[in-house]
PDB file of N, CA and C in Angstrom:
ATOM      1  N   GLN A   1       0.719  -0.954   0.136  1.00  0.00           N
ATOM      2  CA  GLN A   1       0.046   0.304  -0.184  1.00  0.00           C
ATOM      3  C   GLN A   1       1.162   1.268  -0.197  1.00  0.00           C
ATOM      4  N   VAL A   2       0.211   2.466  -0.629  1.00  0.00           N
ATOM      5  CA  VAL A   2       1.214   3.489  -0.505  1.00  0.00           C
ATOM      6  C   VAL A   2       0.164   4.819   0.245  1.00  0.00           C
ATOM      7  N   GLN A   3       0.746   5.778   0.800  1.00  0.00           N
ATOM      8  CA  GLN A   3       0.098   6.635   1.592  1.00  0.00           C
ATOM      9  C   GLN A   3       0.462   8.089   0.715  1.00  0.00           C
ATOM     10  N   LEU A   4      -0.142   8.609   0.196  1.00  0.00           N
ATOM     11  CA  LEU A   4       0.289  10.258   0.286  1.00  0.00           C
ATOM     12  C   LEU A   4      -0.458  10.961   1.162  1.00  0.00           C
ATOM     13  N   VAL A   5       0.771  12.098   1.794  1.00  0.00           N
ATOM     14  CA  VAL A   5       0.382  12.858   2.095  1.00  0.00           C
ATOM     15  C   VAL A   5       0.652  14.300   1.877  1.00  0.00           C
ATOM     16  N   GLU A   6      -0.496  15.172   1.371  1.00  0.00           N
ATOM     17  CA  GLU A   6      -0.398  16.394   1.104  1.00  0.00           C
ATOM     18  C   GLU A   6      -0.216  17.772   1.992  1.00  0.00           C
ATOM     19  N   SER A   7       0.078  18.743   1.741  1.00  0.00           N
ATOM     20  CA  SER A   7       0.304  19.663   2.399  1.00  0.00           C
ATOM     21  C   SER A   7       0.438  21.393   1.273  1.00  0.00           C
ATOM     22  N   GLY A   8       0.156  21.952   2.107  1.00  0.00           N
ATOM     23  CA  GLY A   8       0.483  23.744   1.290  1.00  0.00           C
ATOM     24  C   GLY A   8      -0.369  24.195   1.002  1.00  0.00           C
ATOM     25  N   GLY A   9      -1.806  23.570   1.123  1.00  0.00           N
ATOM     26  CA  GLY A   9      -2.964  24.262   0.338  1.00  0.00           C
ATOM     27  C   GLY A   9      -3.206  25.879   1.568  1.00  0.00           C
ATOM     28  N   GLY A  10      -4.326  26.553   0.744  1.00  0.00           N
ATOM     29  CA  GLY A  10      -4.704  27.660   1.442  1.00  0.00           C
ATOM     30  C   GLY A  10      -5.135  28.671   0.989  1.00  0.00           C
ATOM     31  N   LEU A  11      -5.344  30.022   1.368  1.00  0.00           N
ATOM     32  CA  LEU A  11      -6.122  31.129   0.948  1.00  0.00           C
ATOM     33  C   LEU A  11      -4.946  31.809   0.532  1.00  0.00           C
ATOM     34  N   VAL A  12      -5.172  32.358  -0.728  1.00  0.00           N
ATOM     35  CA  VAL A  12      -4.482  33.451  -1.148  1.00  0.00           C
ATOM     36  C   VAL A  12      -4.789  34.333  -2.231  1.00  0.00           C
ATOM     37  N   GLN A  13      -4.327  35.591  -2.328  1.00  0.00           N
ATOM     38  CA  GLN A  13      -5.044  36.512  -3.182  1.00  0.00           C
ATOM     39  C   GLN A  13      -4.243  36.621  -4.534  1.00  0.00           C
ATOM     40  N   PRO A  14      -5.147  37.169  -5.596  1.00  0.00           N
ATOM     41  CA  PRO A  14      -4.962  36.749  -6.851  1.00  0.00           C
ATOM     42  C   PRO A  14      -3.487  37.391  -7.189  1.00  0.00           C
ATOM     43  N   GLY A  15      -2.890  36.354  -7.790  1.00  0.00           N
ATOM     44  CA  GLY A  15      -1.206  37.159  -8.061  1.00  0.00           C
ATOM     45  C   GLY A  15      -0.217  36.429  -6.937  1.00  0.00           C
ATOM     46  N   GLY A  16      -1.113  35.693  -6.213  1.00  0.00           N
ATOM     47  CA  GLY A  16      -0.239  35.269  -5.061  1.00  0.00           C
ATOM     48  C   GLY A  16       0.361  33.898  -5.466  1.00  0.00           C
ATOM     49  N   SER A  17       1.434  33.108  -4.560  1.00  0.00           N
ATOM     50  CA  SER A  17       1.889  31.751  -4.883  1.00  0.00           C
ATOM     51  C   SER A  17       1.908  31.008  -3.690  1.00  0.00           C
ATOM     52  N   LEU A  18       1.501  29.774  -4.123  1.00  0.00           N
ATOM     53  CA  LEU A  18       1.715  28.709  -2.848  1.00  0.00           C
ATOM     54  C   LEU A  18       2.622  27.602  -3.529  1.00  0.00           C
ATOM     55  N   ARG A  19       3.149  26.745  -2.463  1.00  0.00           N
ATOM     56  CA  ARG A  19       3.700  25.330  -2.865  1.00  0.00           C
ATOM     57  C   ARG A  19       2.993  24.314  -2.184  1.00  0.00           C
ATOM     58  N   LEU A  20       2.697  23.585  -3.089  1.00  0.00           N
ATOM     59  CA  LEU A  20       2.031  22.310  -2.553  1.00  0.00           C
ATOM     60  C   LEU A  20       2.961  20.938  -2.458  1.00  0.00           C
ATOM     61  N   SER A  21       3.220  20.036  -1.243  1.00  0.00           N
ATOM     62  CA  SER A  21       3.980  19.151  -1.423  1.00  0.00           C
ATOM     63  C   SER A  21       3.056  17.816  -1.023  1.00  0.00           C
ATOM     64  N   CYS A  22       3.722  16.614  -1.621  1.00  0.00           N
ATOM     65  CA  CYS A  22       3.068  15.344  -1.420  1.00  0.00           C
ATOM     66  C   CYS A  22       4.189  14.197  -1.364  1.00  0.00           C
ATOM     67  N   ALA A  23       4.095  13.856  -0.094  1.00  0.00           N
ATOM     68  CA  ALA A  23       4.836  12.810   0.048  1.00  0.00           C
ATOM     69  C   ALA A  23       4.188  11.318   0.143  1.00  0.00           C
ATOM     70  N   ALA A  24       4.860  10.525  -0.494  1.00  0.00           N
ATOM     71  CA  ALA A  24       4.691   9.046  -0.678  1.00  0.00           C
ATOM     72  C   ALA A  24       5.365   8.159   0.336  1.00  0.00           C
ATOM     73  N   SER A  25       4.545   7.357   0.930  1.00  0.00           N
ATOM     74  CA  SER A  25       4.974   6.571   2.087  1.00  0.00           C
ATOM     75  C   SER A  25       4.546   4.900   2.000  1.00  0.00           C
ATOM     76  N   GLY A  26       5.052   3.892   2.656  1.00  0.00           N
ATOM     77  CA  GLY A  26       4.467   2.732   2.323  1.00  0.00           C
ATOM     78  C   GLY A  26       5.548   1.870   2.076  1.00  0.00           C
ATOM     79  N   SER A  27       4.399   0.688   1.331  1.00  0.00           N
ATOM     80  CA  SER A  27       5.362  -0.547   0.802  1.00  0.00           C
ATOM     81  C   SER A  27       5.407  -0.570  -0.689  1.00  0.00           C
ATOM     82  N   PHE A  28       6.459  -0.190  -1.114  1.00  0.00           N
ATOM     83  CA  PHE A  28       6.424  -0.319  -2.635  1.00  0.00           C
ATOM     84  C   PHE A  28       7.890  -0.285  -3.164  1.00  0.00           C
ATOM     85  N   SER A  29       7.860  -0.655  -4.704  1.00  0.00           N
ATOM     86  CA  SER A  29       9.364  -1.155  -5.126  1.00  0.00           C
ATOM     87  C   SER A  29       9.922   0.298  -5.550  1.00  0.00           C
ATOM     88  N   SER A  30       8.836   1.174  -6.084  1.00  0.00           N
ATOM     89  CA  SER A  30       9.422   2.361  -6.932  1.00  0.00           C
ATOM     90  C   SER A  30       7.848   2.977  -7.237  1.00  0.00           C
ATOM     91  N   ILE A  31       8.489   4.331  -7.451  1.00  0.00           N
ATOM     92  CA  ILE A  31       7.287   5.481  -7.639  1.00  0.00           C
ATOM     93  C   ILE A  31       7.754   5.861  -9.072  1.00  0.00           C
ATOM     94  N   HIS A  32       6.668   5.658  -9.853  1.00  0.00           N
ATOM     95  CA  HIS A  32       6.731   6.039 -11.196  1.00  0.00           C
ATOM     96  C   HIS A  32       6.370   7.522 -11.543  1.00  0.00           C
ATOM     97  N   ILE A  33       5.198   7.537 -11.851  1.00  0.00           N
ATOM     98  CA  ILE A  33       4.676   9.319 -12.517  1.00  0.00           C
ATOM     99  C   ILE A  33       4.153  10.059 -10.777  1.00  0.00           C
ATOM    100  N   MET A  34       4.337  10.785 -10.908  1.00  0.00           N
ATOM    101  CA  MET A  34       3.570  11.695  -9.915  1.00  0.00           C
ATOM    102  C   MET A  34       2.874  12.771 -10.234  1.00  0.00           C
ATOM    103  N   GLY A  35       2.184  13.039  -9.804  1.00  0.00           N
ATOM    104  CA  GLY A  35       1.052  14.308 -10.341  1.00  0.00           C
ATOM    105  C   GLY A  35       0.315  14.931  -9.500  1.00  0.00           C
ATOM    106  N   TRP A  36      -0.188  15.981  -9.690  1.00  0.00           N
ATOM    107  CA  TRP A  36      -1.350  16.769  -9.369  1.00  0.00           C
ATOM    108  C   TRP A  36      -2.559  16.879 -10.168  1.00  0.00           C
ATOM    109  N   TYR A  37      -3.787  16.647  -9.931  1.00  0.00           N
ATOM    110  CA  TYR A  37      -4.888  17.018 -10.369  1.00  0.00           C
ATOM    111  C   TYR A  37      -5.902  18.229  -9.564  1.00  0.00           C
ATOM    112  N   ARG A  38      -6.547  18.643 -10.494  1.00  0.00           N
ATOM    113  CA  ARG A  38      -7.784  19.523  -9.474  1.00  0.00           C
ATOM    114  C   ARG A  38      -8.833  19.312  -9.808  1.00  0.00           C
ATOM    115  N   GLN A  39      -9.968  19.525  -9.022  1.00  0.00           N
ATOM    116  CA  GLN A  39     -11.296  19.931  -9.040  1.00  0.00           C
ATOM    117  C   GLN A  39     -12.183  20.888  -8.621  1.00  0.00           C
ATOM    118  N   ALA A  40     -12.392  21.831  -9.312  1.00  0.00           N
ATOM    119  CA  ALA A  40     -13.203  22.765  -8.688  1.00  0.00           C
ATOM    120  C   ALA A  40     -14.980  22.546  -8.625  1.00  0.00           C
ATOM    121  N   PRO A  41     -15.466  23.238  -7.627  1.00  0.00           N
ATOM    122  CA  PRO A  41     -16.935  22.607  -7.857  1.00  0.00           C
ATOM    123  C   PRO A  41     -17.516  22.727  -9.092  1.00  0.00           C
ATOM    124  N   GLY A  42     -18.439  21.915  -9.430  1.00  0.00           N
ATOM    125  CA  GLY A  42     -19.207  21.741 -10.714  1.00  0.00           C
ATOM    126  C   GLY A  42     -18.152  21.238 -11.793  1.00  0.00           C
ATOM    127  N   ASN A  43     -17.044  21.168 -11.537  1.00  0.00           N
ATOM    128  CA  ASN A  43     -16.029  20.889 -12.772  1.00  0.00           C
ATOM    129  C   ASN A  43     -15.764  19.274 -12.601  1.00  0.00           C
ATOM    130  N   GLN A  44     -15.390  18.791 -13.768  1.00  0.00           N
ATOM    131  CA  GLN A  44     -14.688  17.511 -13.855  1.00  0.00           C
ATOM    132  C   GLN A  44     -13.274  17.467 -13.260  1.00  0.00           C
ATOM    133  N   ARG A  45     -12.371  16.292 -12.491  1.00  0.00           N
ATOM    134  CA  ARG A  45     -11.046  16.562 -12.109  1.00  0.00           C
ATOM    135  C   ARG A  45     -10.242  16.911 -13.373  1.00  0.00           C
ATOM    136  N   GLU A  46      -9.143  17.548 -13.512  1.00  0.00           N
ATOM    137  CA  GLU A  46      -8.272  17.698 -14.590  1.00  0.00           C
ATOM    138  C   GLU A  46      -6.939  17.767 -14.305  1.00  0.00           C
ATOM    139  N   LEU A  47      -6.539  17.237 -15.041  1.00  0.00           N
ATOM    140  CA  LEU A  47      -4.800  17.151 -14.766  1.00  0.00           C
ATOM    141  C   LEU A  47      -4.011  18.657 -14.536  1.00  0.00           C
ATOM    142  N   VAL A  48      -3.195  18.857 -13.561  1.00  0.00           N
ATOM    143  CA  VAL A  48      -2.475  19.927 -13.548  1.00  0.00           C
ATOM    144  C   VAL A  48      -1.540  19.543 -14.009  1.00  0.00           C
ATOM    145  N   ALA A  49      -0.492  19.213 -13.523  1.00  0.00           N
ATOM    146  CA  ALA A  49       0.676  18.915 -13.858  1.00  0.00           C
ATOM    147  C   ALA A  49       1.223  17.393 -13.391  1.00  0.00           C
ATOM    148  N   ARG A  50       2.060  16.630 -14.422  1.00  0.00           N
ATOM    149  CA  ARG A  50       2.798  15.671 -13.819  1.00  0.00           C
ATOM    150  C   ARG A  50       4.064  15.225 -14.062  1.00  0.00           C
ATOM    151  N   ILE A  51       5.074  14.506 -13.449  1.00  0.00           N
ATOM    152  CA  ILE A  51       6.591  14.118 -13.627  1.00  0.00           C
ATOM    153  C   ILE A  51       6.798  12.922 -13.733  1.00  0.00           C
ATOM    154  N   THR A  52       7.687  12.324 -14.265  1.00  0.00           N
ATOM    155  CA  THR A  52       8.258  11.005 -14.322  1.00  0.00           C
ATOM    156  C   THR A  52       9.279  10.774 -13.558  1.00  0.00           C
ATOM    157  N   SER A  53       9.599   9.788 -13.187  1.00  0.00           N
ATOM    158  CA  SER A  53      10.817   9.463 -12.434  1.00  0.00           C
ATOM    159  C   SER A  53      11.921   9.789 -13.113  1.00  0.00           C
ATOM    160  N   SER A  54      11.980  10.181 -14.280  1.00  0.00           N
ATOM    161  CA  SER A  54      13.278  10.728 -14.872  1.00  0.00           C
ATOM    162  C   SER A  54      13.135  12.106 -15.203  1.00  0.00           C
ATOM    163  N   GLY A  55      11.974  13.096 -14.746  1.00  0.00           N
ATOM    164  CA  GLY A  55      11.987  14.308 -14.855  1.00  0.00           C
ATOM    165  C   GLY A  55      11.098  14.734 -15.822  1.00  0.00           C
ATOM    166  N   ALA A  56      10.541  13.966 -16.922  1.00  0.00           N
ATOM    167  CA  ALA A  56       9.890  14.517 -17.749  1.00  0.00           C
ATOM    168  C   ALA A  56       8.690  15.213 -17.100  1.00  0.00           C
ATOM    169  N   THR A  57       7.874  16.251 -17.639  1.00  0.00           N
ATOM    170  CA  THR A  57       7.000  16.898 -17.377  1.00  0.00           C
ATOM    171  C   THR A  57       6.092  17.087 -18.075  1.00  0.00           C
ATOM    172  N   ASN A  58       4.461  17.276 -17.937  1.00  0.00           N
ATOM    173  CA  ASN A  58       3.795  17.979 -18.777  1.00  0.00           C
ATOM    174  C   ASN A  58       2.382  18.821 -17.891  1.00  0.00           C
ATOM    175  N   TYR A  59       2.146  19.938 -18.402  1.00  0.00           N
ATOM    176  CA  TYR A  59       1.239  20.468 -17.764  1.00  0.00           C
ATOM    177  C   TYR A  59       0.031  21.020 -18.754  1.00  0.00           C
ATOM    178  N   ALA A  60      -1.309  21.071 -17.956  1.00  0.00           N
ATOM    179  CA  ALA A  60      -2.092  21.715 -18.569  1.00  0.00           C
ATOM    180  C   ALA A  60      -2.001  23.294 -18.928  1.00  0.00           C
ATOM    181  N   ASP A  61      -2.437  23.055 -20.303  1.00  0.00           N
ATOM    182  CA  ASP A  61      -2.528  24.324 -21.077  1.00  0.00           C
ATOM    183  C   ASP A  61      -2.748  25.691 -19.822  1.00  0.00           C
ATOM    184  N   SER A  62      -3.556  25.772 -19.334  1.00  0.00           N
ATOM    185  CA  SER A  62      -4.281  27.036 -18.337  1.00  0.00           C
ATOM    186  C   SER A  62      -2.804  27.170 -17.244  1.00  0.00           C
ATOM    187  N   VAL A  63      -1.838  26.406 -17.132  1.00  0.00           N
ATOM    188  CA  VAL A  63      -1.360  26.683 -15.786  1.00  0.00           C
ATOM    189  C   VAL A  63       0.135  27.069 -16.236  1.00  0.00           C
ATOM    190  N   LYS A  64       0.859  26.564 -17.739  1.00  0.00           N
ATOM    191  CA  LYS A  64       1.981  26.617 -18.220  1.00  0.00           C
ATOM    192  C   LYS A  64       2.561  27.864 -17.894  1.00  0.00           C
ATOM    193  N   GLY A  65       3.640  27.820 -17.572  1.00  0.00           N
ATOM    194  CA  GLY A  65       4.273  29.165 -17.517  1.00  0.00           C
ATOM    195  C   GLY A  65       4.007  30.068 -16.188  1.00  0.00           C
ATOM    196  N   ARG A  66       3.009  29.457 -15.398  1.00  0.00           N
ATOM    197  CA  ARG A  66       2.879  29.677 -13.912  1.00  0.00           C
ATOM    198  C   ARG A  66       2.959  28.555 -12.792  1.00  0.00           C
ATOM    199  N   PHE A  67       3.064  27.473 -13.021  1.00  0.00           N
ATOM    200  CA  PHE A  67       2.946  26.720 -12.207  1.00  0.00           C
ATOM    201  C   PHE A  67       4.284  25.634 -12.664  1.00  0.00           C
ATOM    202  N   THR A  68       5.085  25.357 -11.552  1.00  0.00           N
ATOM    203  CA  THR A  68       6.218  24.328 -12.121  1.00  0.00           C
ATOM    204  C   THR A  68       6.053  23.006 -11.007  1.00  0.00           C
ATOM    205  N   ILE A  69       6.082  21.621 -11.349  1.00  0.00           N
ATOM    206  CA  ILE A  69       6.313  20.402 -11.164  1.00  0.00           C
ATOM    207  C   ILE A  69       7.673  20.349 -10.776  1.00  0.00           C
ATOM    208  N   SER A  70       8.157  19.317  -9.628  1.00  0.00           N
ATOM    209  CA  SER A  70       9.249  18.789  -9.281  1.00  0.00           C
ATOM    210  C   SER A  70       9.416  17.899  -8.412  1.00  0.00           C
ATOM    211  N   ARG A  71      10.198  16.997  -8.352  1.00  0.00           N
ATOM    212  CA  ARG A  71      10.317  16.142  -7.575  1.00  0.00           C
ATOM    213  C   ARG A  71      11.481  15.691  -6.843  1.00  0.00           C
ATOM    214  N   ASP A  72      11.462  14.738  -5.510  1.00  0.00           N
ATOM    215  CA  ASP A  72      12.465  14.482  -5.047  1.00  0.00           C
ATOM    216  C   ASP A  72      12.642  13.071  -4.655  1.00  0.00           C
ATOM    217  N   ASN A  73      13.084  12.451  -5.776  1.00  0.00           N
ATOM    218  CA  ASN A  73      12.873  10.855  -5.724  1.00  0.00           C
ATOM    219  C   ASN A  73      13.593   9.898  -4.312  1.00  0.00           C
ATOM    220  N   ALA A  74      14.789  10.733  -3.884  1.00  0.00           N
ATOM    221  CA  ALA A  74      14.816  10.385  -2.632  1.00  0.00           C
ATOM    222  C   ALA A  74      14.349  10.053  -1.303  1.00  0.00           C
ATOM    223  N   LYS A  75      13.303  11.434  -1.323  1.00  0.00           N
ATOM    224  CA  LYS A  75      12.296  11.445  -0.388  1.00  0.00           C
ATOM    225  C   LYS A  75      10.732  10.868  -0.794  1.00  0.00           C
ATOM    226  N   ASN A  76      10.880  10.479  -2.152  1.00  0.00           N
ATOM    227  CA  ASN A  76       9.115  10.290  -2.973  1.00  0.00           C
ATOM    228  C   ASN A  76       8.470  11.273  -2.817  1.00  0.00           C
ATOM    229  N   THR A  77       8.861  12.506  -2.742  1.00  0.00           N
ATOM    230  CA  THR A  77       8.083  13.514  -2.537  1.00  0.00           C
ATOM    231  C   THR A  77       7.912  14.585  -4.157  1.00  0.00           C
ATOM    232  N   VAL A  78       6.650  14.745  -4.278  1.00  0.00           N
ATOM    233  CA  VAL A  78       6.580  15.628  -5.402  1.00  0.00           C
ATOM    234  C   VAL A  78       6.030  17.397  -4.996  1.00  0.00           C
ATOM    235  N   TYR A  79       6.378  18.245  -5.592  1.00  0.00           N
ATOM    236  CA  TYR A  79       6.124  19.496  -5.391  1.00  0.00           C
ATOM    237  C   TYR A  79       5.484  20.219  -6.238  1.00  0.00           C
ATOM    238  N   LEU A  80       4.516  21.145  -5.995  1.00  0.00           N
ATOM    239  CA  LEU A  80       3.711  21.995  -7.197  1.00  0.00           C
ATOM    240  C   LEU A  80       4.277  23.490  -6.688  1.00  0.00           C
ATOM    241  N   GLN A  81       4.677  24.270  -7.272  1.00  0.00           N
ATOM    242  CA  GLN A  81       5.106  25.670  -6.905  1.00  0.00           C
ATOM    243  C   GLN A  81       4.157  26.337  -8.178  1.00  0.00           C
ATOM    244  N   MET A  82       3.092  27.066  -7.291  1.00  0.00           N
ATOM    245  CA  MET A  82       2.255  28.024  -8.156  1.00  0.00           C
ATOM    246  C   MET A  82       2.387  29.540  -7.736  1.00  0.00           C
ATOM    247  N   ASN A  83       2.878  29.906  -8.980  1.00  0.00           N
ATOM    248  CA  ASN A  83       2.760  31.792  -8.907  1.00  0.00           C
ATOM    249  C   ASN A  83       1.965  32.182  -9.857  1.00  0.00           C
ATOM    250  N   SER A  84       1.657  33.275  -9.833  1.00  0.00           N
ATOM    251  CA  SER A  84       0.481  34.135 -10.611  1.00  0.00           C
ATOM    252  C   SER A  84      -0.785  33.793 -10.522  1.00  0.00           C
ATOM    253  N   LEU A  85      -1.025  33.169  -9.264  1.00  0.00           N
ATOM    254  CA  LEU A  85      -2.281  32.228  -8.983  1.00  0.00           C
ATOM    255  C   LEU A  85      -3.625  33.213  -9.454  1.00  0.00           C
ATOM    256  N   GLU A  86      -4.582  32.500 -10.021  1.00  0.00           N
ATOM    257  CA  GLU A  86      -5.842  33.378 -10.642  1.00  0.00           C
ATOM    258  C   GLU A  86      -6.773  32.683  -9.708  1.00  0.00           C
ATOM    259  N   LEU A  87      -8.268  33.849 -10.096  1.00  0.00           N
ATOM    260  CA  LEU A  87      -9.506  33.069  -8.964  1.00  0.00           C
ATOM    261  C   LEU A  87      -9.708  31.844  -9.969  1.00  0.00           C
ATOM    262  N   GLU A  88      -9.261  31.662 -10.928  1.00  0.00           N
ATOM    263  CA  GLU A  88      -9.898  30.331 -11.678  1.00  0.00           C
ATOM    264  C   GLU A  88      -9.107  28.832 -11.180  1.00  0.00           C
ATOM    265  N   ASP A  89      -8.288  29.401 -10.266  1.00  0.00           N
ATOM    266  CA  ASP A  89      -7.161  28.293  -9.828  1.00  0.00           C
ATOM    267  C   ASP A  89      -8.144  27.147  -8.516  1.00  0.00           C
ATOM    268  N   THR A  90      -8.739  28.297  -8.207  1.00  0.00           N
ATOM    269  CA  THR A  90      -9.375  27.672  -7.104  1.00  0.00           C
ATOM    270  C   THR A  90      -9.981  26.127  -6.842  1.00  0.00           C
ATOM    271  N   ALA A  91      -9.371  25.217  -6.374  1.00  0.00           N
ATOM    272  CA  ALA A  91     -10.124  23.958  -6.480  1.00  0.00           C
ATOM    273  C   ALA A  91      -9.742  23.176  -5.225  1.00  0.00           C
ATOM    274  N   VAL A  92      -9.983  21.840  -5.314  1.00  0.00           N
ATOM    275  CA  VAL A  92      -9.350  21.080  -4.352  1.00  0.00           C
ATOM    276  C   VAL A  92      -8.103  20.170  -5.289  1.00  0.00           C
ATOM    277  N   TYR A  93      -7.048  20.277  -4.874  1.00  0.00           N
ATOM    278  CA  TYR A  93      -5.818  19.694  -5.548  1.00  0.00           C
ATOM    279  C   TYR A  93      -5.587  18.292  -4.626  1.00  0.00           C
ATOM    280  N   SER A  94      -5.416  17.553  -5.683  1.00  0.00           N
ATOM    281  CA  SER A  94      -5.195  15.817  -5.536  1.00  0.00           C
ATOM    282  C   SER A  94      -3.633  15.662  -6.098  1.00  0.00           C
ATOM    283  N   CYS A  95      -3.125  14.784  -5.055  1.00  0.00           N
ATOM    284  CA  CYS A  95      -1.851  14.190  -5.409  1.00  0.00           C
ATOM    285  C   CYS A  95      -1.860  12.880  -5.901  1.00  0.00           C
ATOM    286  N   ASN A  96      -1.316  12.386  -7.121  1.00  0.00           N
ATOM    287  CA  ASN A  96      -1.634  11.351  -7.358  1.00  0.00           C
ATOM    288  C   ASN A  96      -0.201  10.578  -8.095  1.00  0.00           C
ATOM    289  N   THR A  97      -0.111   8.992  -7.970  1.00  0.00           N
ATOM    290  CA  THR A  97       1.138   8.782  -8.129  1.00  0.00           C
ATOM    291  C   THR A  97       0.667   7.203  -8.568  1.00  0.00           C
ATOM    292  N   VAL A  98       1.513   6.879  -9.320  1.00  0.00           N
ATOM    293  CA  VAL A  98       1.503   5.444  -9.866  1.00  0.00           C
ATOM    294  C   VAL A  98       2.633   4.672  -9.303  1.00  0.00           C
ATOM    295  N   ALA A  99       2.695   3.616  -8.646  1.00  0.00           N
ATOM    296  CA  ALA A  99       3.738   2.977  -8.023  1.00  0.00           C
ATOM    297  C   ALA A  99       3.956   1.485  -8.034  1.00  0.00           C
ATOM    298  N   GLN A 100       4.904   1.212  -7.988  1.00  0.00           N
ATOM    299  CA  GLN A 100       4.915  -0.507  -8.387  1.00  0.00           C
ATOM    300  C   GLN A 100       5.229  -0.942  -7.223  1.00  0.00           C
ATOM    301  N   LEU A 101       4.528  -1.890  -6.588  1.00  0.00           N
ATOM    302  CA  LEU A 101       4.868  -2.940  -5.364  1.00  0.00           C
ATOM    303  C   LEU A 101       5.793  -4.129  -5.869  1.00  0.00           C
ATOM    304  N   SER A 102       5.946  -4.547  -4.515  1.00  0.00           N
ATOM    305  CA  SER A 102       6.565  -6.181  -4.840  1.00  0.00           C
ATOM    306  C   SER A 102       6.463  -7.159  -5.991  1.00  0.00           C
ATOM    307  N   SER A 103       5.199  -6.946  -5.874  1.00  0.00           N
ATOM    308  CA  SER A 103       4.509  -7.999  -6.817  1.00  0.00           C
ATOM    309  C   SER A 103       4.523  -8.023  -8.237  1.00  0.00           C
ATOM    310  N   GLY A 104       5.365  -6.624  -8.544  1.00  0.00           N
ATOM    311  CA  GLY A 104       5.738  -6.255  -9.679  1.00  0.00           C
ATOM    312  C   GLY A 104       4.452  -5.436 -10.646  1.00  0.00           C
ATOM    313  N   TYR A 105       3.511  -5.416  -9.829  1.00  0.00           N
ATOM    314  CA  TYR A 105       2.214  -4.597 -10.392  1.00  0.00           C
ATOM    315  C   TYR A 105       2.110  -3.182 -10.264  1.00  0.00           C
ATOM    316  N   ARG A 106       1.753  -2.561 -10.858  1.00  0.00           N
ATOM    317  CA  ARG A 106       1.904  -1.105 -10.735  1.00  0.00           C
ATOM    318  C   ARG A 106       0.432  -0.387 -10.286  1.00  0.00           C
ATOM    319  N   TYR A 107      -0.397   0.169  -9.228  1.00  0.00           N
ATOM    320  CA  TYR A 107      -1.048   0.719  -9.096  1.00  0.00           C
ATOM    321  C   TYR A 107      -1.261   2.285  -8.812  1.00  0.00           C
ATOM    322  N   THR A 108      -2.224   2.715  -9.119  1.00  0.00           N
ATOM    323  CA  THR A 108      -2.716   4.128  -8.769  1.00  0.00           C
ATOM    324  C   THR A 108      -3.064   4.653  -7.588  1.00  0.00           C
ATOM    325  N   TYR A 109      -2.471   5.639  -7.015  1.00  0.00           N
ATOM    326  CA  TYR A 109      -3.247   6.141  -5.371  1.00  0.00           C
ATOM    327  C   TYR A 109      -3.421   7.432  -5.711  1.00  0.00           C
ATOM    328  N   TRP A 110      -3.968   8.027  -4.993  1.00  0.00           N
ATOM    329  CA  TRP A 110      -4.572   9.416  -4.467  1.00  0.00           C
ATOM    330  C   TRP A 110      -4.357   9.663  -3.169  1.00  0.00           C
ATOM    331  N   GLY A 111      -4.082  10.958  -2.963  1.00  0.00           N
ATOM    332  CA  GLY A 111      -4.261  11.741  -1.763  1.00  0.00           C
ATOM    333  C   GLY A 111      -5.593  12.158  -1.646  1.00  0.00           C
ATOM    334  N   GLN A 112      -5.721  12.686  -0.251  1.00  0.00           N
ATOM    335  CA  GLN A 112      -7.052  12.935   0.161  1.00  0.00           C
ATOM    336  C   GLN A 112      -7.308  14.692  -0.437  1.00  0.00           C
ATOM    337  N   GLY A 113      -6.489  15.266  -0.783  1.00  0.00           N
ATOM    338  CA  GLY A 113      -6.703  16.650  -1.536  1.00  0.00           C
ATOM    339  C   GLY A 113      -6.737  17.686  -0.318  1.00  0.00           C
ATOM    340  N   THR A 114      -5.990  18.832  -1.279  1.00  0.00           N
ATOM    341  CA  THR A 114      -5.922  19.920  -0.247  1.00  0.00           C
ATOM    342  C   THR A 114      -6.552  21.053  -0.817  1.00  0.00           C
ATOM    343  N   GLN A 115      -7.127  22.022  -0.307  1.00  0.00           N
ATOM    344  CA  GLN A 115      -7.991  23.183  -0.932  1.00  0.00           C
ATOM    345  C   GLN A 115      -6.988  24.173  -1.101  1.00  0.00           C
ATOM    346  N   VAL A 116      -7.169  24.625  -2.335  1.00  0.00           N
ATOM    347  CA  VAL A 116      -6.442  26.117  -2.802  1.00  0.00           C
ATOM    348  C   VAL A 116      -7.643  26.865  -3.051  1.00  0.00           C
ATOM    349  N   THR A 117      -7.425  28.225  -2.303  1.00  0.00           N
ATOM    350  CA  THR A 117      -8.691  29.301  -2.842  1.00  0.00           C
ATOM    351  C   THR A 117      -8.150  30.440  -2.960  1.00  0.00           C
ATOM    352  N   VAL A 118      -8.149  30.984  -4.135  1.00  0.00           N
ATOM    353  CA  VAL A 118      -7.524  32.324  -4.656  1.00  0.00           C
ATOM    354  C   VAL A 118      -8.908  33.267  -4.768  1.00  0.00           C
ATOM    355  N   SER A 119      -8.439  33.952  -3.525  1.00  0.00           N
ATOM    356  CA  SER A 119      -9.851  35.040  -3.491  1.00  0.00           C
ATOM    357  C   SER A 119      -9.088  36.359  -3.080  1.00  0.00           C
ATOM    358  N   THR A 120      -9.974  37.496  -3.636  1.00  0.00           N
ATOM    359  CA  THR A 120      -9.818  38.963  -2.793  1.00  0.00           C
ATOM    360  C   THR A 120     -10.228  39.090  -1.333  1.00  0.00           C
TER     361      THR A 120
END
């Protein structure tokens, strides 16, 4: 099993910054993809950004140039630096990972989510 613990959400004014963190722990052989998704009220969950174990990244068009995803493989932790936040970034942000267990199979795990609110 893999547990994901998120931190760093909160309330920020437009144009401000926040940094989210997500640490993976538990019994696994390796962590492959780590990423962040978000879901705003009334909307479907959408990919924000993800990063592979080798550092390849991809971003939603709406956050390119403003958000940066990074990871510390030694700590099994992924970060999302969010700059120039906009009202439309308000959502619950959830960490996601694909981990390989000792069985050799890969599974997807989710964190419980952290609220990000951008408001005046």
